[in-house]
PDB file of N, CA and C in Angstrom:
ATOM      1  N   MET A   1       0.861  -1.095   0.069  1.00  0.00           N
ATOM      2  CA  MET A   1      -0.016  -0.050  -0.013  1.00  0.00           C
ATOM      3  C   MET A   1       0.937   1.291   0.056  1.00  0.00           C
ATOM      4  N   PHE A   2       1.869   1.290   0.785  1.00  0.00           N
ATOM      5  CA  PHE A   2       2.628   2.489   0.982  1.00  0.00           C
ATOM      6  C   PHE A   2       3.482   2.618  -0.175  1.00  0.00           C
ATOM      7  N   CYS A   3       3.935   1.451  -0.768  1.00  0.00           N
ATOM      8  CA  CYS A   3       4.743   1.559  -2.151  1.00  0.00           C
ATOM      9  C   CYS A   3       3.965   2.177  -3.206  1.00  0.00           C
ATOM     10  N   LYS A   4       2.627   1.715  -3.266  1.00  0.00           N
ATOM     11  CA  LYS A   4       1.884   2.262  -4.287  1.00  0.00           C
ATOM     12  C   LYS A   4       1.644   3.691  -4.152  1.00  0.00           C
ATOM     13  N   ALA A   5       1.431   4.215  -3.045  1.00  0.00           N
ATOM     14  CA  ALA A   5       1.267   5.587  -2.739  1.00  0.00           C
ATOM     15  C   ALA A   5       2.469   6.416  -3.125  1.00  0.00           C
ATOM     16  N   TRP A   6       3.692   5.914  -2.801  1.00  0.00           N
ATOM     17  CA  TRP A   6       4.890   6.501  -3.161  1.00  0.00           C
ATOM     18  C   TRP A   6       5.251   6.519  -4.529  1.00  0.00           C
ATOM     19  N   ALA A   7       4.871   5.371  -5.269  1.00  0.00           N
ATOM     20  CA  ALA A   7       5.100   5.394  -6.701  1.00  0.00           C
ATOM     21  C   ALA A   7       4.235   6.504  -7.347  1.00  0.00           C
ATOM     22  N   THR A   8       2.857   6.578  -6.974  1.00  0.00           N
ATOM     23  CA  THR A   8       1.868   7.562  -7.650  1.00  0.00           C
ATOM     24  C   THR A   8       2.516   8.976  -7.212  1.00  0.00           C
ATOM     25  N   HIS A   9       3.081   9.272  -6.142  1.00  0.00           N
ATOM     26  CA  HIS A   9       3.623  10.538  -5.666  1.00  0.00           C
ATOM     27  C   HIS A   9       4.898  10.745  -6.712  1.00  0.00           C
ATOM     28  N   ARG A  10       5.632   9.847  -6.982  1.00  0.00           N
ATOM     29  CA  ARG A  10       6.764   9.864  -7.726  1.00  0.00           C
ATOM     30  C   ARG A  10       6.417  10.333  -9.096  1.00  0.00           C
ATOM     31  N   VAL A  11       5.402   9.652  -9.623  1.00  0.00           N
ATOM     32  CA  VAL A  11       4.923   9.884 -10.973  1.00  0.00           C
ATOM     33  C   VAL A  11       4.210  11.418 -11.216  1.00  0.00           C
ATOM     34  N   ARG A  12       3.438  11.732  -9.960  1.00  0.00           N
ATOM     35  CA  ARG A  12       2.948  12.948  -9.952  1.00  0.00           C
ATOM     36  C   ARG A  12       4.021  14.064 -10.092  1.00  0.00           C
ATOM     37  N   MET A  13       5.026  13.995  -9.124  1.00  0.00           N
ATOM     38  CA  MET A  13       6.172  14.836  -8.929  1.00  0.00           C
ATOM     39  C   MET A  13       6.895  14.964 -10.233  1.00  0.00           C
ATOM     40  N   ASN A  14       7.002  13.810 -11.003  1.00  0.00           N
ATOM     41  CA  ASN A  14       7.869  13.668 -12.272  1.00  0.00           C
ATOM     42  C   ASN A  14       6.995  14.582 -13.361  1.00  0.00           C
ATOM     43  N   THR A  15       5.624  14.344 -13.384  1.00  0.00           N
ATOM     44  CA  THR A  15       4.943  15.006 -14.455  1.00  0.00           C
ATOM     45  C   THR A  15       4.931  16.546 -14.127  1.00  0.00           C
ATOM     46  N   HIS A  16       4.940  16.951 -12.929  1.00  0.00           N
ATOM     47  CA  HIS A  16       4.883  18.347 -12.514  1.00  0.00           C
ATOM     48  C   HIS A  16       6.252  18.945 -13.056  1.00  0.00           C
ATOM     49  N   THR A  17       7.391  18.350 -12.866  1.00  0.00           N
ATOM     50  CA  THR A  17       8.589  18.736 -13.215  1.00  0.00           C
ATOM     51  C   THR A  17       8.760  18.880 -14.684  1.00  0.00           C
ATOM     52  N   LYS A  18       8.240  17.978 -15.488  1.00  0.00           N
ATOM     53  CA  LYS A  18       8.125  17.999 -16.888  1.00  0.00           C
ATOM     54  C   LYS A  18       7.529  19.113 -17.397  1.00  0.00           C
ATOM     55  N   LYS A  19       6.250  19.441 -16.831  1.00  0.00           N
ATOM     56  CA  LYS A  19       5.322  20.593 -17.059  1.00  0.00           C
ATOM     57  C   LYS A  19       6.122  21.845 -16.797  1.00  0.00           C
ATOM     58  N   LYS A  20       6.803  21.920 -15.680  1.00  0.00           N
ATOM     59  CA  LYS A  20       7.541  23.090 -15.264  1.00  0.00           C
ATOM     60  C   LYS A  20       8.609  23.327 -16.197  1.00  0.00           C
ATOM     61  N   THR A  21       9.423  22.345 -16.796  1.00  0.00           N
ATOM     62  CA  THR A  21      10.508  22.463 -17.641  1.00  0.00           C
ATOM     63  C   THR A  21      10.049  22.926 -19.005  1.00  0.00           C
ATOM     64  N   LEU A  22       8.870  22.389 -19.501  1.00  0.00           N
ATOM     65  CA  LEU A  22       8.216  22.770 -20.662  1.00  0.00           C
ATOM     66  C   LEU A  22       7.724  24.150 -20.674  1.00  0.00           C
ATOM     67  N   HIS A  23       7.285  24.599 -19.516  1.00  0.00           N
ATOM     68  CA  HIS A  23       6.652  25.996 -19.420  1.00  0.00           C
ATOM     69  C   HIS A  23       7.994  26.937 -19.581  1.00  0.00           C
ATOM     70  N   LEU A  24       8.918  26.614 -18.883  1.00  0.00           N
ATOM     71  CA  LEU A  24      10.179  27.494 -18.787  1.00  0.00           C
ATOM     72  C   LEU A  24      10.706  27.527 -20.275  1.00  0.00           C
ATOM     73  N   LEU A  25      10.758  26.446 -20.998  1.00  0.00           N
ATOM     74  CA  LEU A  25      11.202  26.236 -22.298  1.00  0.00           C
ATOM     75  C   LEU A  25      10.285  27.258 -23.381  1.00  0.00           C
ATOM     76  N   PHE A  26       9.052  27.164 -22.965  1.00  0.00           N
ATOM     77  CA  PHE A  26       8.078  27.972 -23.786  1.00  0.00           C
ATOM     78  C   PHE A  26       8.300  29.314 -23.468  1.00  0.00           C
ATOM     79  N   LYS A  27       8.542  29.685 -22.193  1.00  0.00           N
ATOM     80  CA  LYS A  27       8.815  31.162 -21.881  1.00  0.00           C
ATOM     81  C   LYS A  27      10.083  31.757 -22.443  1.00  0.00           C
ATOM     82  N   SER A  28      11.006  30.782 -22.602  1.00  0.00           N
ATOM     83  CA  SER A  28      12.429  31.241 -23.123  1.00  0.00           C
ATOM     84  C   SER A  28      12.221  31.468 -24.680  1.00  0.00           C
ATOM     85  N   LEU A  29      11.362  30.678 -25.361  1.00  0.00           N
ATOM     86  CA  LEU A  29      11.098  30.773 -26.718  1.00  0.00           C
ATOM     87  C   LEU A  29      10.376  31.938 -27.107  1.00  0.00           C
ATOM     88  N   ILE A  30       9.525  32.377 -26.195  1.00  0.00           N
ATOM     89  CA  ILE A  30       8.732  33.594 -26.576  1.00  0.00           C
ATOM     90  C   ILE A  30       9.552  34.892 -26.217  1.00  0.00           C
ATOM     91  N   ALA A  31      10.557  34.829 -25.207  1.00  0.00           N
ATOM     92  CA  ALA A  31      11.244  36.061 -24.791  1.00  0.00           C
ATOM     93  C   ALA A  31      12.215  36.358 -25.961  1.00  0.00           C
TER      94      ALA A  31
END
């Protein structure tokens, strides 16, 4: 149970980081 929750959290954080990176990349392209 704990492992599943941890894995879900990891995936969520990973997705968030990717979105953040894409957003920064997008901003630098516009600038």
